[in-house]
Amino acid sequence: MGRPRRATPPENWKRWYDLAVWRSKRAAQLREHPLCQHCFQQGLIVPATVVDHIQPHRGSWNAFILGKLQSLCVDHHNNKRWHDNPRTKAPRFQQIGLDGYPVADNDADSGAAR
């Protein structure tokens, strides 16, 4: 069978986002799901501007093309990417407190408010 294929280096897979196949998938995703999925779950109506791979493709062409997608606003996309980075040691934020600030997971679990 041969050796397993390595993931494509970032300098190569970043170009995939310029391909017609991705632009078509992105347009279809935003047409079918025009609202940010995370905002909608919180009862907010916010237009999605980013199409995100639910499971990061990590340079795999098959995962890039065939992976499940979700529509997100820029804020939720950037927050997701920040948390997906294993080197990030910062607290995760899942909820927004009554004062409008994010509530850390450990605060949300204990019911504490900011």
C-alpha atoms as a PDB file:
ATOM      1  CA  MET A   1       0.000   0.000   0.000  1.00  0.00           C
ATOM      2  CA  GLY A   2       2.898   2.398   0.574  1.00  0.00           C
ATOM      3  CA  ARG A   3       3.454   5.013   3.193  1.00  0.00           C
ATOM      4  CA  PRO A   4       0.570   7.129   4.505  1.00  0.00           C
ATOM      5  CA  ARG A   5       0.362  10.558   2.927  1.00  0.00           C
ATOM      6  CA  ARG A   6       1.450  13.510   4.993  1.00  0.00           C
ATOM      7  CA  ALA A   7      -0.790  16.505   5.452  1.00  0.00           C
ATOM      8  CA  THR A   8      -0.239  19.240   2.903  1.00  0.00           C
ATOM      9  CA  PRO A   9       1.874  22.134   4.245  1.00  0.00           C
ATOM     10  CA  PRO A  10      -0.163  25.279   5.097  1.00  0.00           C
ATOM     11  CA  GLU A  11       1.520  27.303   2.374  1.00  0.00           C
ATOM     12  CA  ASN A  12      -0.108  24.912  -0.132  1.00  0.00           C
ATOM     13  CA  TRP A  13      -3.555  24.262   1.373  1.00  0.00           C
ATOM     14  CA  LYS A  14      -4.285  27.924   1.991  1.00  0.00           C
ATOM     15  CA  ARG A  15      -4.529  28.228  -1.797  1.00  0.00           C
ATOM     16  CA  TRP A  16      -7.421  25.735  -1.769  1.00  0.00           C
ATOM     17  CA  TYR A  17      -9.693  28.535  -0.520  1.00  0.00           C
ATOM     18  CA  ASP A  18      -9.156  30.308  -3.865  1.00  0.00           C
ATOM     19  CA  LEU A  19     -10.327  27.328  -5.947  1.00  0.00           C
ATOM     20  CA  ALA A  20     -13.678  27.396  -7.746  1.00  0.00           C
ATOM     21  CA  VAL A  21     -14.779  24.192  -6.002  1.00  0.00           C
ATOM     22  CA  TRP A  22     -14.393  25.865  -2.578  1.00  0.00           C
ATOM     23  CA  ARG A  23     -16.024  29.115  -3.678  1.00  0.00           C
ATOM     24  CA  SER A  24     -18.983  27.079  -4.940  1.00  0.00           C
ATOM     25  CA  LYS A  25     -19.265  25.048  -1.696  1.00  0.00           C
ATOM     26  CA  ARG A  26     -18.962  28.234   0.360  1.00  0.00           C
ATOM     27  CA  ALA A  27     -21.681  30.017  -1.617  1.00  0.00           C
ATOM     28  CA  ALA A  28     -24.008  26.999  -1.348  1.00  0.00           C
ATOM     29  CA  GLN A  29     -23.421  26.743   2.430  1.00  0.00           C
ATOM     30  CA  LEU A  30     -24.193  30.425   3.004  1.00  0.00           C
ATOM     31  CA  ARG A  31     -27.238  30.236   0.723  1.00  0.00           C
ATOM     32  CA  GLU A  32     -28.660  27.227   2.611  1.00  0.00           C
ATOM     33  CA  HIS A  33     -27.569  28.407   6.094  1.00  0.00           C
ATOM     34  CA  PRO A  34     -27.308  32.220   6.026  1.00  0.00           C
ATOM     35  CA  LEU A  35     -27.242  32.727   9.818  1.00  0.00           C
ATOM     36  CA  CYS A  36     -24.430  32.132  12.288  1.00  0.00           C
ATOM     37  CA  GLN A  37     -25.165  28.740  13.814  1.00  0.00           C
ATOM     38  CA  HIS A  38     -23.815  29.649  17.262  1.00  0.00           C
ATOM     39  CA  CYS A  39     -25.624  33.001  17.445  1.00  0.00           C
ATOM     40  CA  PHE A  40     -28.877  31.348  16.351  1.00  0.00           C
ATOM     41  CA  GLN A  41     -28.548  28.765  19.152  1.00  0.00           C
ATOM     42  CA  GLN A  42     -28.354  31.712  21.570  1.00  0.00           C
ATOM     43  CA  GLY A  43     -31.504  33.263  20.087  1.00  0.00           C
ATOM     44  CA  LEU A  44     -29.654  35.899  18.044  1.00  0.00           C
ATOM     45  CA  ILE A  45     -30.151  36.591  14.357  1.00  0.00           C
ATOM     46  CA  VAL A  46     -26.685  37.344  12.951  1.00  0.00           C
ATOM     47  CA  PRO A  47     -25.696  36.867   9.306  1.00  0.00           C
ATOM     48  CA  ALA A  48     -22.968  34.311   8.714  1.00  0.00           C
ATOM     49  CA  THR A  49     -19.974  35.484   6.722  1.00  0.00           C
ATOM     50  CA  VAL A  50     -17.581  32.558   7.251  1.00  0.00           C
ATOM     51  CA  VAL A  51     -17.948  28.925   6.218  1.00  0.00           C
ATOM     52  CA  ASP A  52     -16.089  26.729   8.683  1.00  0.00           C
ATOM     53  CA  HIS A  53     -15.030  23.084   8.670  1.00  0.00           C
ATOM     54  CA  ILE A  54     -16.578  21.547  11.805  1.00  0.00           C
ATOM     55  CA  GLN A  55     -13.620  19.158  12.054  1.00  0.00           C
ATOM     56  CA  PRO A  56     -10.392  20.931  10.978  1.00  0.00           C
ATOM     57  CA  HIS A  57      -9.062  19.464   7.720  1.00  0.00           C
ATOM     58  CA  ARG A  58      -5.406  19.806   8.823  1.00  0.00           C
ATOM     59  CA  GLY A  59      -4.174  19.793   5.230  1.00  0.00           C
ATOM     60  CA  SER A  60      -6.148  16.737   4.067  1.00  0.00           C
ATOM     61  CA  TRP A  61      -7.718  17.378   0.659  1.00  0.00           C
ATOM     62  CA  ASN A  62     -10.479  14.814   1.278  1.00  0.00           C
ATOM     63  CA  ALA A  63     -11.382  16.383   4.623  1.00  0.00           C
ATOM     64  CA  PHE A  64     -11.281  19.839   3.002  1.00  0.00           C
ATOM     65  CA  ILE A  65     -13.686  18.877   0.223  1.00  0.00           C
ATOM     66  CA  LEU A  66     -15.872  16.292   1.972  1.00  0.00           C
ATOM     67  CA  GLY A  67     -15.873  17.575   5.569  1.00  0.00           C
ATOM     68  CA  LYS A  68     -19.032  18.902   7.207  1.00  0.00           C
ATOM     69  CA  LEU A  69     -19.390  22.663   7.174  1.00  0.00           C
ATOM     70  CA  GLN A  70     -21.086  25.241   9.360  1.00  0.00           C
ATOM     71  CA  SER A  71     -21.937  28.892   8.819  1.00  0.00           C
ATOM     72  CA  LEU A  72     -20.508  31.286  11.402  1.00  0.00           C
ATOM     73  CA  CYS A  73     -20.067  34.996  12.036  1.00  0.00           C
ATOM     74  CA  VAL A  74     -16.472  36.233  12.140  1.00  0.00           C
ATOM     75  CA  ASP A  75     -16.467  36.485  15.943  1.00  0.00           C
ATOM     76  CA  HIS A  76     -17.550  32.877  16.461  1.00  0.00           C
ATOM     77  CA  HIS A  77     -15.164  31.615  13.787  1.00  0.00           C
ATOM     78  CA  ASN A  78     -12.198  33.418  15.322  1.00  0.00           C
ATOM     79  CA  ASN A  79     -13.191  32.251  18.810  1.00  0.00           C
ATOM     80  CA  LYS A  80     -13.459  28.642  17.569  1.00  0.00           C
ATOM     81  CA  ARG A  81     -10.041  28.762  15.927  1.00  0.00           C
ATOM     82  CA  TRP A  82      -8.541  30.197  19.101  1.00  0.00           C
ATOM     83  CA  HIS A  83      -9.926  27.283  21.118  1.00  0.00           C
ATOM     84  CA  ASP A  84      -8.984  24.660  18.506  1.00  0.00           C
ATOM     85  CA  ASN A  85      -5.309  25.563  18.938  1.00  0.00           C
ATOM     86  CA  PRO A  86      -3.879  23.014  21.416  1.00  0.00           C
ATOM     87  CA  ARG A  87      -1.193  25.505  22.474  1.00  0.00           C
ATOM     88  CA  THR A  88      -3.811  27.954  23.741  1.00  0.00           C
ATOM     89  CA  LYS A  89      -4.062  27.801  27.516  1.00  0.00           C
ATOM     90  CA  ALA A  90      -6.764  30.463  27.850  1.00  0.00           C
ATOM     91  CA  PRO A  91     -10.203  29.631  29.310  1.00  0.00           C
ATOM     92  CA  ARG A  92     -12.990  28.619  26.937  1.00  0.00           C
ATOM     93  CA  PHE A  93     -16.063  30.811  26.696  1.00  0.00           C
ATOM     94  CA  GLN A  94     -19.414  29.208  26.025  1.00  0.00           C
ATOM     95  CA  GLN A  95     -21.951  31.630  27.439  1.00  0.00           C
ATOM     96  CA  ILE A  96     -22.461  35.366  27.768  1.00  0.00           C
ATOM     97  CA  GLY A  97     -23.229  36.659  31.254  1.00  0.00           C
ATOM     98  CA  LEU A  98     -25.980  39.137  32.122  1.00  0.00           C
ATOM     99  CA  ASP A  99     -23.405  41.926  31.953  1.00  0.00           C
ATOM    100  CA  GLY A 100     -22.574  41.053  28.334  1.00  0.00           C
ATOM    101  CA  TYR A 101     -19.154  39.549  29.076  1.00  0.00           C
ATOM    102  CA  PRO A 102     -18.215  35.924  28.292  1.00  0.00           C
ATOM    103  CA  VAL A 103     -18.513  33.464  31.161  1.00  0.00           C
ATOM    104  CA  ALA A 104     -15.649  30.943  31.489  1.00  0.00           C
ATOM    105  CA  ASP A 105     -16.609  27.252  31.393  1.00  0.00           C
ATOM    106  CA  ASN A 106     -15.749  26.707  35.054  1.00  0.00           C
ATOM    107  CA  ASP A 107     -17.980  29.685  36.003  1.00  0.00           C
ATOM    108  CA  ALA A 108     -20.837  28.345  33.849  1.00  0.00           C
ATOM    109  CA  ASP A 109     -20.588  24.908  35.475  1.00  0.00           C
ATOM    110  CA  SER A 110     -20.786  26.309  38.990  1.00  0.00           C
ATOM    111  CA  GLY A 111     -23.574  28.737  38.122  1.00  0.00           C
ATOM    112  CA  ALA A 112     -21.430  31.712  39.112  1.00  0.00           C
ATOM    113  CA  ALA A 113     -22.006  34.998  37.332  1.00  0.00           C
ATOM    114  CA  ARG A 114     -19.402  37.615  36.530  1.00  0.00           C
END
